[in-house]
Amino acid sequence: MRIPICGWIVLLIVIGSRSSCSFAPTRPFTRIRNNLDALFSRSQTQEEEILYDVAVIGSGPASCSLAALLTANDSNVNVVLLSKYAAKRWTPNYGCWTEEWATLDRLYADRGVTGLMDLGVDIHWDDTDCFFGEFDDGVLENPNANDNQQQEGDYRRSIGREYVRVSREGLKSIFYGDDDDDNRNYTVIPEDVLGKAINPNMFLPAGSITFHKDFTELTLKESGRKIRAKIVVDGTGAESSFTIRDQRDREGYQIAYGVECHVTGAGVTESHVGDYDRSKMTLFDFRSEKWRQSNQDDEIKQPTFNYVMPLSQDVIFLEETSLVANPAMSFEECKRRLTERMKSQNVEITEILEEEFCYIPMGGGLPRAGQRIVPIGAASGLVHPSTGYQVGRALSSNLDVAEQIVAELNNKNNESLDPDAAAARILGRIWTPEAIRQRSFAVFGGEFFMSLNVNQLKHFFAGFFRLDPSMWGGFLAGWKNLPGYDNHKNWSARLTFGLTALSKLSPKVGVGMAGSILQYILTDEWGVDLIQSVTPLAGSPKGYEEALEFRRPENKGDQPAKDEAMALLCACDRCQEEGNQRTETKIAA
C-alpha cells in the first residue's frame, strides 16, 4: 500500500519531536531529509549538556525573585536564568505601600531571601496624598452638572498610608547579586531563547523548543546552544513569545510618561513643588480644569492623572498616567499633559535626568491550559486588571510557585517527573479557582474604568478612598499574602466590598456603575465570570489542575497536535504546488 506524502510527514513527527515540523513552503522531501538529519545528528557535546532542574526565561523582578527563592538556603535546585539583558539595570520605577512591602520582606526572609525593607527601599513617605477636584469640605460640588460645566476644587485628601519607592538597584542585588557568578546561587547565561508559540507547545522556527518525555530543550538565539531543563518558566512579561493568552483584544493599556527631573519656577518652594507636598507621595492627581485647553472633549473623555514622588530637594519624579484605555493613549499626549499640568502650577521642568515610557497591558484572558512552559508575573496575566499593580503581586505569587516547583522536583512517591502535569499544577498554584474569581471581579473594574470620563473617575475615586483602608487597600493589591486580602478572598467578601463601595459613590456614578454591572452580566460573554466572582450560583471556574485532558497517552504522542501539523504541512505542499503552477503559467504567458 502506498503511503501518501502527508502520512510520512506525520510518521516522522511521531518519531521526532513535536516541534520538528516546518511551515516554510519548501518541497516535501526536503523537509523529510532535514527532519532525519536533525534526528540522527545530535552531537556528543549536546548529549553531555547539563540537565537543569529549572530554566527561567527573562531577567526582570518576577524572573530573578523566583530564581532567588528556588536557590536560597543551600537549596539543591539547579536553576539557570536565560536573558541577553540579565545584567542590565532595571529601568521602571516601582512603588508599593509600606505595609505590603514589609509583609513581602518578612515572607521572603522566612525563605532565606533577605533585605527587601532595607536594601530594597530607596525612599519612604509617611503619608500619601490624592487630588480628586474636591472642595474644602471634601465633597465634589454639583455632581449632576454637565461635564463641561463641572468645576474643581483643590482639596488635598491625605489617605494616611505609608508608601515606598523600591530601589531598583537594591532589589536586583538581592535577587540577582552582582556580576560575579561565584556570588550567585544560580547560573546565568546572557542569551535569549529562540522561539515563538503559534499553538500550545508548538513553536517557530521548527526545532527551536522541543519537548521530551522528562525534559524540555531550548535553543539559545545567538550561539544555537541547547539548554535542557525539567521545568521551564516564562518570566518575559505581558508580550511574551512563549505563552499563549487568549482574548487579548479585550485588554486595556496603562500608558505613562515619567520624568525624574530638576524643576524651577514660582511654584517650587522648600516645602512644595507646585501643589505637591515634598514630605508626601502623591498617588493620584486627577484634576484637569486648570490646564486643559478650553474644556477640550478629548481631555475630558480620555482622563489622565499625575503620580508624584519627591525624591530630594533637587529631584522629583513626575508621571502622567492613563489609568486604562483601549486604544491606548499616546506617550506624546501624556508628555504634553504633564508639561501643561506643571505649568499651571508655576513649575517648569529644567533638566530631565531620566525618562520612563511605561506600557502595561491589563486584563484580557488567562494563559491557555496545556502549555508546558509555565508563565509567571505579567506573562501569566498577573497584572491587576483595574489598577496595573504588578510587582507586589508577582513577588507574592512567586512564593507559591517556588513551593510547588520544589514539590514537583522532590516527588514523594518517587515517580518520574511528568513535565506537562507539573506545569499544570504550578500554574494552578497561581490561578486557583478563587484567584480566577477575584481576577474576574477586577477585570470588570478595568472595563468599567475605560468607560468613564475624567469627572466620573474623580467621583469614583473620591468615594472609593472613603472606604476603610483595609478594604480599598485589599482591592488595589488583590492577592494572597498581601494586606487586606481577607476583604476579597471569597465571593461573600467581594460582594460585601462591592456593595459598600457603591454606597460611597455619588448617586450619578453609583447608578451608572450598577447599570454597567447589569448590562455586563446580561450581555457580555464574561458576564458569568462576574457572577461567579460574587455568588456561588454560577459554579466555579475551571482550574488548571482540572484541565489535564491535554496530557498525552503514554508512548502515543499528542494526536491533536499531530493532526494539526499534518493539515498545516499538507496545506504548505498545496501552496507550493499552486505557486509552481502560477509561476509556470506566468513564464508560459
Protein backbone atom coordinates (compact mmCIF):
# COMPACT_ATOMS: atom_id res chain seq x y z
CA MET A 1 0.00 0.00 0.00
CA ARG A 2 1.35 3.45 -0.95
CA ILE A 3 1.51 5.84 2.00
CA PRO A 4 0.80 9.46 0.93
CA ILE A 5 3.43 12.13 1.49
CA CYS A 6 1.46 13.69 4.39
CA GLY A 7 1.35 10.28 6.07
CA TRP A 8 5.15 10.05 6.01
CA ILE A 9 5.38 13.56 7.46
CA VAL A 10 3.18 12.66 10.41
CA LEU A 11 5.13 9.45 10.97
CA LEU A 12 8.33 11.46 11.14
CA ILE A 13 6.72 13.87 13.60
CA VAL A 14 5.88 10.89 15.82
CA ILE A 15 9.48 9.68 15.66
CA GLY A 16 10.97 13.12 16.19
CA SER A 17 9.98 15.99 18.44
CA ARG A 18 6.60 17.66 18.47
CA SER A 19 8.13 20.88 17.21
CA SER A 20 10.13 19.41 14.30
CA CYS A 21 7.57 20.35 11.63
CA SER A 22 8.34 23.26 9.37
CA PHE A 23 5.75 25.58 7.94
CA ALA A 24 8.03 27.11 5.30
CA PRO A 25 6.80 26.34 1.80
CA THR A 26 9.74 24.06 0.91
CA ARG A 27 9.46 20.81 -1.05
CA PRO A 28 8.15 17.82 0.98
CA PHE A 29 11.23 15.62 0.57
CA THR A 30 13.48 18.48 1.65
CA ARG A 31 11.55 18.61 4.94
CA ILE A 32 11.83 14.82 5.35
CA ARG A 33 15.60 14.95 4.80
CA ASN A 34 16.01 17.83 7.26
CA ASN A 35 13.95 16.04 9.91
CA LEU A 36 16.06 12.89 9.53
CA ASP A 37 19.26 14.93 9.71
CA ALA A 38 18.06 16.59 12.91
CA LEU A 39 17.09 13.22 14.36
CA PHE A 40 20.43 11.47 13.82
CA SER A 41 22.96 14.31 14.01
CA ARG A 42 22.87 15.09 17.76
CA SER A 43 26.44 15.76 18.77
CA GLN A 44 28.26 14.23 21.70
CA THR A 45 28.53 17.78 23.16
CA GLN A 46 24.76 18.10 23.25
CA GLU A 47 24.41 14.67 24.86
CA GLU A 48 26.64 15.88 27.66
CA GLU A 49 24.63 19.08 28.32
CA ILE A 50 23.61 19.74 31.92
CA LEU A 51 20.03 18.85 32.71
CA TYR A 52 18.86 21.79 34.84
CA ASP A 53 16.00 21.41 37.28
CA VAL A 54 14.55 24.78 36.26
CA ALA A 55 15.20 27.16 33.39
CA VAL A 56 13.84 30.68 33.91
CA ILE A 57 13.46 32.77 30.75
CA GLY A 58 13.72 36.50 31.46
CA SER A 59 15.53 38.70 33.96
CA GLY A 60 13.01 41.14 35.45
CA PRO A 61 11.83 41.13 39.08
CA ALA A 62 9.48 38.16 38.53
CA SER A 63 12.22 36.01 36.99
CA CYS A 64 15.02 36.96 39.38
CA SER A 65 12.89 36.70 42.52
CA LEU A 66 11.83 33.17 41.57
CA ALA A 67 15.41 32.12 40.85
CA ALA A 68 16.47 33.55 44.23
CA LEU A 69 13.66 31.77 46.10
CA LEU A 70 14.43 28.43 44.43
CA THR A 71 18.12 28.57 45.30
CA ALA A 72 18.02 30.10 48.80
CA ASN A 73 19.14 28.25 51.93
CA ASP A 74 21.63 25.99 50.13
CA SER A 75 18.85 24.53 48.02
CA ASN A 76 19.65 21.58 45.79
CA VAL A 77 17.56 23.03 42.97
CA ASN A 78 19.76 23.64 39.93
CA VAL A 79 18.49 26.80 38.21
CA VAL A 80 19.58 28.59 35.04
CA LEU A 81 18.37 32.07 34.13
CA LEU A 82 18.37 32.90 30.41
CA SER A 83 18.34 36.50 29.19
CA LYS A 84 20.51 38.64 26.96
CA TYR A 85 19.89 41.57 29.29
CA ALA A 86 20.36 39.73 32.58
CA ALA A 87 22.95 42.18 33.90
CA LYS A 88 21.15 45.27 32.63
CA ARG A 89 19.81 47.83 35.11
CA TRP A 90 16.06 47.68 35.72
CA THR A 91 14.52 50.89 34.36
CA PRO A 92 10.89 51.19 35.60
CA ASN A 93 10.14 52.94 38.87
CA TYR A 94 8.47 50.57 41.31
CA GLY A 95 6.34 51.83 44.18
CA CYS A 96 4.50 49.94 46.89
CA TRP A 97 2.58 50.53 50.10
CA THR A 98 4.98 50.20 53.04
CA GLU A 99 2.65 47.73 54.73
CA GLU A 100 2.70 45.44 51.68
CA TRP A 101 6.46 45.69 51.18
CA ALA A 102 7.07 44.90 54.87
CA THR A 103 4.88 41.81 54.51
CA LEU A 104 6.86 40.65 51.49
CA ASP A 105 10.10 41.37 53.36
CA ARG A 106 9.02 39.04 56.16
CA LEU A 107 7.78 36.28 53.83
CA TYR A 108 10.93 36.34 51.71
CA ALA A 109 13.19 36.44 54.78
CA ASP A 110 11.41 33.33 56.09
CA ARG A 111 12.54 31.60 52.88
CA GLY A 112 16.12 32.82 53.05
CA VAL A 113 15.92 35.90 50.80
CA THR A 114 16.55 38.94 53.00
CA GLY A 115 16.78 42.71 52.70
CA LEU A 116 13.60 43.90 50.94
CA MET A 117 12.86 46.57 53.57
CA ASP A 118 16.50 47.55 53.89
CA LEU A 119 18.47 47.33 50.67
CA GLY A 120 15.28 47.11 48.63
CA VAL A 121 13.89 50.55 49.55
CA ASP A 122 15.04 53.90 48.15
CA ILE A 123 12.71 56.38 49.85
CA HIS A 124 9.88 56.20 52.38
CA TRP A 125 6.95 58.61 52.76
CA ASP A 126 4.83 58.71 55.92
CA ASP A 127 1.64 59.67 54.10
CA THR A 128 0.06 59.72 50.66
CA ASP A 129 -1.99 62.50 49.04
CA CYS A 130 -4.69 62.43 46.35
CA PHE A 131 -6.43 65.22 44.42
CA PHE A 132 -9.88 64.46 43.02
CA GLY A 133 -11.10 68.02 42.49
CA GLU A 134 -12.91 68.12 45.83
CA PHE A 135 -13.53 71.32 47.74
CA ASP A 136 -12.55 72.16 51.32
CA ASP A 137 -15.35 70.10 52.83
CA GLY A 138 -14.11 67.03 50.97
CA VAL A 139 -17.06 66.76 48.58
CA LEU A 140 -17.38 67.32 44.85
CA GLU A 141 -19.57 70.26 44.01
CA ASN A 142 -22.62 69.72 41.81
CA PRO A 143 -22.12 66.07 40.84
CA ASN A 144 -25.06 66.31 38.41
CA ALA A 145 -23.53 69.16 36.40
CA ASN A 146 -22.78 68.80 32.73
CA ASP A 147 -19.18 67.64 32.16
CA ASN A 148 -18.25 70.93 30.51
CA GLN A 149 -19.76 72.88 33.41
CA GLN A 150 -18.03 70.87 36.15
CA GLN A 151 -15.75 72.85 38.44
CA GLU A 152 -12.85 71.58 40.51
CA GLY A 153 -11.55 72.31 43.95
CA ASP A 154 -8.03 71.79 45.21
CA TYR A 155 -8.83 69.80 48.35
CA ARG A 156 -5.91 67.57 49.32
CA ARG A 157 -7.13 64.16 50.52
CA SER A 158 -4.48 62.59 52.76
CA ILE A 159 -5.23 58.89 52.92
CA GLY A 160 -2.99 58.06 55.86
CA ARG A 161 -1.00 55.22 54.36
CA GLU A 162 2.78 54.99 54.06
CA TYR A 163 4.46 54.42 50.71
CA VAL A 164 7.93 53.41 49.50
CA ARG A 165 9.85 53.70 46.29
CA VAL A 166 11.51 50.37 45.64
CA SER A 167 15.23 50.58 44.98
CA ARG A 168 15.79 49.13 41.53
CA GLU A 169 19.50 48.62 42.15
CA GLY A 170 18.97 47.29 45.67
CA LEU A 171 16.20 44.88 44.75
CA LYS A 172 18.16 43.50 41.84
CA SER A 173 21.21 43.00 44.02
CA ILE A 174 19.06 40.99 46.46
CA PHE A 175 17.63 38.70 43.79
CA TYR A 176 20.41 38.69 41.21
CA GLY A 177 23.56 39.52 43.12
CA ASP A 178 26.45 41.24 41.41
CA ASP A 179 28.25 40.38 38.21
CA ASP A 180 30.41 37.81 39.98
CA ASP A 181 28.84 34.44 39.17
CA ASP A 182 30.53 32.87 42.21
CA ASN A 183 28.33 35.00 44.48
CA ARG A 184 25.09 33.83 42.88
CA ASN A 185 23.26 30.60 43.69
CA TYR A 186 22.02 30.06 40.14
CA THR A 187 23.59 30.05 36.70
CA VAL A 188 23.09 32.99 34.34
CA ILE A 189 23.51 32.63 30.57
CA PRO A 190 23.28 36.07 28.90
CA GLU A 191 21.41 34.91 25.80
CA ASP A 192 17.76 34.99 24.82
CA VAL A 193 15.77 31.89 23.94
CA LEU A 194 14.70 31.30 20.35
CA GLY A 195 11.07 30.52 19.53
CA LYS A 196 7.57 31.91 19.21
CA ALA A 197 4.49 29.94 20.27
CA ILE A 198 1.92 29.51 17.49
CA ASN A 199 -0.21 26.99 19.39
CA PRO A 200 0.20 25.28 22.76
CA ASN A 201 3.58 23.53 22.71
CA MET A 202 4.20 24.33 19.03
CA PHE A 203 6.93 26.84 18.20
CA LEU A 204 8.54 28.50 15.22
CA PRO A 205 11.16 28.16 13.92
CA ALA A 206 10.99 24.38 13.79
CA GLY A 207 13.06 22.71 16.48
CA SER A 208 13.66 25.88 18.49
CA ILE A 209 11.84 24.44 21.52
CA THR A 210 11.30 20.70 21.72
CA PHE A 211 9.56 18.58 24.31
CA HIS A 212 10.84 15.24 25.51
CA LYS A 213 9.33 12.84 28.00
CA ASP A 214 11.30 14.09 31.00
CA PHE A 215 12.63 17.48 29.95
CA THR A 216 12.31 20.42 27.60
CA GLU A 217 15.08 21.55 25.28
CA LEU A 218 15.55 25.24 24.49
CA THR A 219 17.70 26.82 21.77
CA LEU A 220 19.66 29.99 22.50
CA LYS A 221 19.36 32.68 19.82
CA GLU A 222 22.95 33.73 19.30
CA SER A 223 25.00 30.60 19.90
CA GLY A 224 22.45 27.95 18.95
CA ARG A 225 23.37 26.15 22.15
CA LYS A 226 20.80 23.71 23.52
CA ILE A 227 19.67 24.04 27.14
CA ARG A 228 17.72 21.26 28.83
CA ALA A 229 15.54 21.63 31.89
CA LYS A 230 12.92 19.57 33.68
CA ILE A 231 10.73 22.65 34.24
CA VAL A 232 10.79 25.82 32.12
CA VAL A 233 9.38 29.12 33.42
CA ASP A 234 8.47 32.15 31.31
CA GLY A 235 9.06 35.49 33.03
CA THR A 236 9.35 37.63 29.89
CA GLY A 237 6.33 39.85 30.53
CA ALA A 238 2.91 40.51 29.08
CA GLU A 239 4.17 40.45 25.48
CA SER A 240 5.78 37.04 25.89
CA SER A 241 6.58 34.94 22.81
CA PHE A 242 6.41 31.72 24.81
CA THR A 243 2.92 31.85 26.35
CA ILE A 244 -0.43 31.94 24.59
CA ARG A 245 -3.13 34.04 26.25
CA ASP A 246 -6.48 34.38 24.55
CA GLN A 247 -8.84 37.35 24.21
CA ARG A 248 -6.06 39.89 24.30
CA ASP A 249 -8.21 42.14 22.12
CA ARG A 250 -10.13 42.92 25.33
CA GLU A 251 -7.09 44.23 27.16
CA GLY A 252 -6.83 47.77 28.36
CA TYR A 253 -3.50 49.58 28.38
CA GLN A 254 -1.94 51.69 31.08
CA ILE A 255 0.35 54.23 29.46
CA ALA A 256 2.57 56.55 31.49
CA TYR A 257 5.22 59.10 30.62
CA GLY A 258 7.52 59.72 33.56
CA VAL A 259 10.49 62.00 34.22
CA GLU A 260 13.00 62.16 37.02
CA CYS A 261 13.96 65.79 36.80
CA HIS A 262 15.05 69.14 38.17
CA VAL A 263 12.39 71.83 38.37
CA THR A 264 12.22 75.58 38.87
CA GLY A 265 9.64 78.35 38.99
CA ALA A 266 7.50 80.34 41.41
CA GLY A 267 5.69 77.15 42.46
CA VAL A 268 8.89 75.49 43.71
CA THR A 269 9.47 76.14 47.42
CA GLU A 270 11.19 74.46 50.35
CA SER A 271 8.02 72.56 51.22
CA HIS A 272 6.23 72.11 47.88
CA VAL A 273 6.67 71.54 44.17
CA GLY A 274 3.55 73.17 42.83
CA ASP A 275 0.67 71.64 44.78
CA TYR A 276 2.71 68.59 45.80
CA ASP A 277 3.97 68.32 49.36
CA ARG A 278 7.63 67.32 49.39
CA SER A 279 7.10 65.21 52.53
CA LYS A 280 4.41 63.03 50.91
CA MET A 281 3.91 60.85 47.89
CA THR A 282 1.00 61.81 45.60
CA LEU A 283 -0.78 58.76 44.23
CA PHE A 284 -3.45 60.47 42.13
CA ASP A 285 -3.93 63.99 40.84
CA PHE A 286 -6.94 63.72 38.52
CA ARG A 287 -7.56 67.46 38.26
CA SER A 288 -7.60 68.83 34.75
CA GLU A 289 -9.67 72.02 34.73
CA LYS A 290 -6.71 74.41 35.17
CA TRP A 291 -4.53 73.01 32.42
CA ARG A 292 -6.83 71.59 29.78
CA GLN A 293 -7.43 73.68 26.68
CA SER A 294 -10.91 75.28 26.78
CA ASN A 295 -12.63 72.12 28.03
CA GLN A 296 -11.44 70.05 25.09
CA ASP A 297 -13.58 66.92 24.73
CA ASP A 298 -10.59 64.58 24.36
CA GLU A 299 -9.07 65.80 27.61
CA ILE A 300 -12.36 65.12 29.42
CA LYS A 301 -13.20 61.81 27.74
CA GLN A 302 -9.67 60.42 27.97
CA PRO A 303 -8.55 61.10 31.55
CA THR A 304 -5.01 61.05 32.91
CA PHE A 305 -3.58 61.65 36.36
CA ASN A 306 -0.24 62.69 37.78
CA TYR A 307 1.75 60.36 40.06
CA VAL A 308 4.42 62.20 42.05
CA MET A 309 7.44 61.08 44.07
CA PRO A 310 9.50 63.87 45.69
CA LEU A 311 12.95 62.29 45.79
CA SER A 312 15.07 65.11 47.26
CA GLN A 313 15.23 68.90 47.45
CA ASP A 314 16.72 68.87 43.96
CA VAL A 315 14.96 65.96 42.23
CA ILE A 316 11.33 64.93 41.73
CA PHE A 317 9.69 62.12 39.78
CA LEU A 318 6.54 63.08 37.86
CA GLU A 319 4.47 60.65 35.83
CA GLU A 320 1.40 61.46 33.73
CA THR A 321 -0.63 58.28 33.52
CA SER A 322 -3.58 56.99 31.55
CA LEU A 323 -5.08 54.52 34.04
CA VAL A 324 -6.54 52.14 31.45
CA ALA A 325 -7.74 52.67 27.90
CA ASN A 326 -8.31 50.81 24.65
CA PRO A 327 -6.96 52.05 22.31
CA ALA A 328 -4.00 53.19 24.33
CA MET A 329 -3.21 56.86 24.83
CA SER A 330 -0.04 58.11 23.15
CA PHE A 331 3.11 58.85 25.13
CA GLU A 332 3.38 62.22 23.39
CA GLU A 333 -0.06 63.20 24.67
CA CYS A 334 0.89 62.18 28.23
CA LYS A 335 4.09 64.22 27.91
CA ARG A 336 2.16 67.26 26.68
CA ARG A 337 -0.35 66.99 29.50
CA LEU A 338 2.39 66.71 32.12
CA THR A 339 4.05 69.88 30.79
CA GLU A 340 0.73 71.78 30.82
CA ARG A 341 -0.21 70.48 34.27
CA MET A 342 3.06 71.60 35.83
CA LYS A 343 2.94 74.96 34.02
CA SER A 344 -0.48 75.59 35.56
CA GLN A 345 1.20 75.15 38.97
CA ASN A 346 4.07 77.55 38.07
CA VAL A 347 6.57 74.72 37.78
CA GLU A 348 8.96 74.27 34.85
CA ILE A 349 10.98 71.13 34.16
CA THR A 350 14.51 72.36 33.55
CA GLU A 351 16.56 69.18 33.29
CA ILE A 352 15.43 65.60 32.63
CA LEU A 353 17.65 63.07 34.39
CA GLU A 354 15.71 60.02 33.24
CA GLU A 355 12.63 59.39 31.11
CA GLU A 356 10.26 56.49 31.54
CA PHE A 357 7.83 55.12 28.95
CA CYS A 358 5.55 52.73 30.76
CA TYR A 359 3.33 50.32 28.77
CA ILE A 360 1.23 47.90 30.83
CA PRO A 361 -1.36 45.59 29.22
CA MET A 362 -4.18 44.87 31.69
CA GLY A 363 -6.99 42.33 31.68
CA GLY A 364 -7.69 40.08 28.72
CA GLY A 365 -7.64 36.30 29.03
CA LEU A 366 -5.55 33.97 31.15
CA PRO A 367 -2.92 31.56 29.74
CA ARG A 368 -4.39 28.74 27.72
CA ALA A 369 -4.34 25.38 29.52
CA GLY A 370 -1.96 22.66 28.42
CA GLN A 371 1.21 24.67 27.88
CA ARG A 372 4.34 23.03 29.23
CA ILE A 373 6.25 26.31 29.69
CA VAL A 374 4.96 27.91 32.91
CA PRO A 375 4.27 31.67 32.76
CA ILE A 376 4.80 33.82 35.85
CA GLY A 377 4.30 37.51 36.56
CA ALA A 378 2.86 39.57 33.72
CA ALA A 379 3.29 36.67 31.28
CA SER A 380 0.65 34.80 33.29
CA GLY A 381 -1.81 37.71 33.23
CA LEU A 382 -0.99 38.64 36.82
CA VAL A 383 -1.11 42.44 36.31
CA HIS A 384 -4.08 43.86 38.24
CA PRO A 385 -6.76 44.41 35.56
CA SER A 386 -8.11 47.59 37.23
CA THR A 387 -5.01 49.34 38.53
CA GLY A 388 -1.91 47.99 36.77
CA TYR A 389 -0.34 46.88 40.08
CA GLN A 390 2.13 44.09 39.42
CA VAL A 391 5.42 43.99 41.34
CA GLY A 392 3.94 43.13 44.75
CA ARG A 393 1.57 40.62 43.15
CA ALA A 394 4.39 38.95 41.21
CA LEU A 395 6.63 38.65 44.27
CA SER A 396 3.76 37.30 46.35
CA SER A 397 2.63 34.72 43.78
CA ASN A 398 6.22 33.50 43.32
CA LEU A 399 6.20 32.24 46.89
CA ASP A 400 3.60 29.65 45.85
CA VAL A 401 5.27 29.00 42.50
CA ALA A 402 8.62 28.22 44.15
CA GLU A 403 6.97 25.97 46.71
CA GLN A 404 5.15 23.99 44.03
CA ILE A 405 8.25 23.66 41.82
CA VAL A 406 10.21 22.21 44.73
CA ALA A 407 7.34 19.79 45.45
CA GLU A 408 7.32 18.66 41.81
CA LEU A 409 11.08 18.09 41.79
CA ASN A 410 11.04 16.26 45.14
CA ASN A 411 8.28 13.81 44.29
CA LYS A 412 7.47 11.94 47.50
CA ASN A 413 6.08 8.96 45.58
CA ASN A 414 9.38 8.53 43.73
CA GLU A 415 7.57 8.85 40.41
CA SER A 416 9.40 10.29 37.44
CA LEU A 417 8.61 13.92 36.70
CA ASP A 418 5.78 14.49 34.25
CA PRO A 419 6.62 17.99 32.91
CA ASP A 420 3.12 18.61 31.50
CA ALA A 421 1.27 17.68 34.67
CA ALA A 422 3.85 19.58 36.74
CA ALA A 423 3.32 22.70 34.62
CA ALA A 424 -0.45 22.48 35.13
CA ARG A 425 -0.08 22.16 38.89
CA ILE A 426 2.43 25.04 39.12
CA LEU A 427 0.21 27.39 37.09
CA GLY A 428 -2.69 26.12 39.18
CA ARG A 429 -0.96 27.46 42.29
CA ILE A 430 -1.04 30.95 40.73
CA TRP A 431 -4.51 30.73 39.25
CA THR A 432 -6.55 28.81 41.77
CA PRO A 433 -10.31 28.94 41.13
CA GLU A 434 -10.57 31.59 43.86
CA ALA A 435 -7.81 33.70 42.33
CA ILE A 436 -9.57 33.45 38.96
CA ARG A 437 -12.81 34.63 40.60
CA GLN A 438 -11.04 37.58 42.16
CA ARG A 439 -9.43 38.46 38.83
CA SER A 440 -12.81 38.36 37.08
CA PHE A 441 -14.08 40.92 39.61
CA ALA A 442 -11.13 43.20 38.80
CA VAL A 443 -11.47 42.64 35.04
CA PHE A 444 -14.95 44.14 35.20
CA GLY A 445 -13.49 47.05 37.19
CA GLY A 446 -10.93 47.76 34.47
CA GLU A 447 -13.53 47.65 31.71
CA PHE A 448 -15.80 49.94 33.76
CA PHE A 449 -12.96 52.45 34.22
CA MET A 450 -12.44 52.54 30.46
CA SER A 451 -15.99 53.83 30.07
CA LEU A 452 -15.57 56.80 32.46
CA ASN A 453 -14.55 60.37 31.68
CA VAL A 454 -12.36 62.44 33.98
CA ASN A 455 -15.22 63.80 36.08
CA GLN A 456 -16.73 60.37 36.58
CA LEU A 457 -13.35 58.92 37.57
CA LYS A 458 -12.83 61.73 40.09
CA HIS A 459 -16.24 60.95 41.63
CA PHE A 460 -15.47 57.23 41.72
CA PHE A 461 -12.11 57.53 43.48
CA ALA A 462 -13.33 60.24 45.85
CA GLY A 463 -15.87 57.67 47.07
CA PHE A 464 -13.50 54.70 46.84
CA PHE A 465 -11.00 56.23 49.25
CA ARG A 466 -13.75 56.83 51.81
CA LEU A 467 -13.73 53.07 52.38
CA ASP A 468 -11.75 51.59 55.23
CA PRO A 469 -8.08 51.34 54.14
CA SER A 470 -8.11 47.58 54.60
CA MET A 471 -10.95 47.37 52.05
CA TRP A 472 -9.57 49.66 49.37
CA GLY A 473 -6.00 48.51 50.05
CA GLY A 474 -7.04 44.88 49.66
CA PHE A 475 -8.63 45.66 46.30
CA LEU A 476 -5.60 47.56 44.97
CA ALA A 477 -3.29 44.68 45.95
CA GLY A 478 -5.78 41.92 45.25
CA TRP A 479 -3.53 38.98 46.02
CA LYS A 480 -2.99 36.27 48.59
CA ASN A 481 -0.47 37.08 51.36
CA LEU A 482 -0.87 40.85 50.93
CA PRO A 483 -2.66 43.08 53.49
CA GLY A 484 -6.41 43.42 53.06
CA TYR A 485 -6.76 40.11 51.22
CA ASP A 486 -9.37 38.88 53.71
CA ASN A 487 -11.75 41.52 52.36
CA HIS A 488 -11.58 39.97 48.89
CA LYS A 489 -10.65 36.31 49.36
CA ASN A 490 -14.08 34.77 48.66
CA TRP A 491 -17.35 35.63 46.94
CA SER A 492 -19.09 36.89 50.07
CA ALA A 493 -16.20 39.24 50.94
CA ARG A 494 -16.15 40.62 47.40
CA LEU A 495 -19.92 41.10 47.41
CA THR A 496 -19.68 42.99 50.69
CA PHE A 497 -16.88 45.12 49.30
CA GLY A 498 -18.81 45.88 46.11
CA LEU A 499 -21.99 46.91 47.90
CA THR A 500 -20.04 49.02 50.40
CA ALA A 501 -18.13 50.74 47.61
CA LEU A 502 -21.36 51.51 45.75
CA SER A 503 -22.75 53.14 48.89
CA LYS A 504 -19.77 55.55 48.99
CA LEU A 505 -20.20 56.80 45.42
CA SER A 506 -22.14 59.84 44.31
CA PRO A 507 -25.64 58.93 43.10
CA LYS A 508 -24.79 59.65 39.47
CA VAL A 509 -21.71 57.40 39.40
CA GLY A 510 -23.29 54.74 41.64
CA VAL A 511 -26.34 54.38 39.38
CA GLY A 512 -24.10 54.31 36.34
CA MET A 513 -21.96 51.56 37.83
CA ALA A 514 -25.00 49.48 38.83
CA GLY A 515 -26.30 49.79 35.27
CA SER A 516 -22.92 48.73 33.86
CA ILE A 517 -22.86 45.68 36.11
CA LEU A 518 -26.33 44.62 34.97
CA GLN A 519 -25.50 45.14 31.30
CA TYR A 520 -22.22 43.24 31.68
CA ILE A 521 -23.96 40.26 33.31
CA LEU A 522 -26.78 40.11 30.75
CA THR A 523 -24.93 40.80 27.50
CA ASP A 524 -21.22 40.13 27.86
CA GLU A 525 -19.61 36.74 27.29
CA TRP A 526 -17.69 37.30 30.52
CA GLY A 527 -20.84 38.10 32.48
CA VAL A 528 -20.94 34.63 34.03
CA ASP A 529 -17.39 35.19 35.32
CA LEU A 530 -18.55 38.28 37.21
CA ILE A 531 -21.45 36.29 38.69
CA GLN A 532 -19.00 33.58 39.80
CA SER A 533 -16.85 36.22 41.48
CA VAL A 534 -19.60 37.44 43.84
CA THR A 535 -22.02 34.50 44.22
CA PRO A 536 -21.87 30.68 44.35
CA LEU A 537 -24.75 30.46 41.84
CA ALA A 538 -22.75 30.04 38.62
CA GLY A 539 -20.38 27.35 39.91
CA SER A 540 -16.62 27.52 39.99
CA PRO A 541 -14.21 28.43 37.19
CA LYS A 542 -12.17 25.55 35.88
CA GLY A 543 -8.72 25.42 37.43
CA TYR A 544 -5.57 24.40 35.60
CA GLU A 545 -5.16 21.19 37.55
CA GLU A 546 -8.59 20.10 36.32
CA ALA A 547 -7.63 20.70 32.71
CA LEU A 548 -5.30 17.74 32.32
CA GLU A 549 -7.08 16.25 29.30
CA PHE A 550 -4.26 17.68 27.20
CA ARG A 551 -1.88 15.08 28.62
CA ARG A 552 -0.52 12.64 26.09
CA PRO A 553 -1.28 8.92 26.46
CA GLU A 554 1.91 7.01 27.19
CA ASN A 555 4.01 6.50 24.04
CA LYS A 556 1.22 7.74 21.75
CA GLY A 557 2.16 11.35 21.34
CA ASP A 558 -0.23 14.25 21.13
CA GLN A 559 -2.73 13.25 18.45
CA PRO A 560 -4.43 16.68 18.09
CA ALA A 561 -1.03 18.33 17.62
CA LYS A 562 -0.01 15.73 15.03
CA ASP A 563 -3.31 16.08 13.18
CA GLU A 564 -2.92 19.86 13.13
CA ALA A 565 0.68 19.60 11.95
CA MET A 566 -0.37 17.22 9.19
CA ALA A 567 -3.07 19.61 7.97
CA LEU A 568 -0.73 22.61 8.01
CA LEU A 569 2.11 20.75 6.32
CA CYS A 570 -0.20 19.43 3.64
CA ALA A 571 -1.50 22.96 3.15
CA CYS A 572 2.09 24.09 2.62
CA ASP A 573 2.53 21.39 -0.02
CA ARG A 574 -0.57 22.61 -1.81
CA CYS A 575 0.61 26.24 -1.54
CA GLN A 576 3.96 25.24 -3.05
CA GLU A 577 2.32 23.32 -5.88
CA GLU A 578 -0.08 26.18 -6.60
CA GLY A 579 2.81 28.63 -6.52
CA ASN A 580 4.75 26.49 -9.01
CA GLN A 581 1.72 26.33 -11.26
CA ARG A 582 1.30 30.13 -11.13
CA THR A 583 4.99 30.58 -11.92
CA GLU A 584 4.87 28.16 -14.84
CA THR A 585 1.74 29.87 -16.20
CA LYS A 586 3.37 33.28 -15.93
CA ILE A 587 6.50 32.07 -17.73
CA ALA A 588 4.41 30.44 -20.44
CA ALA A 589 2.45 33.65 -20.92
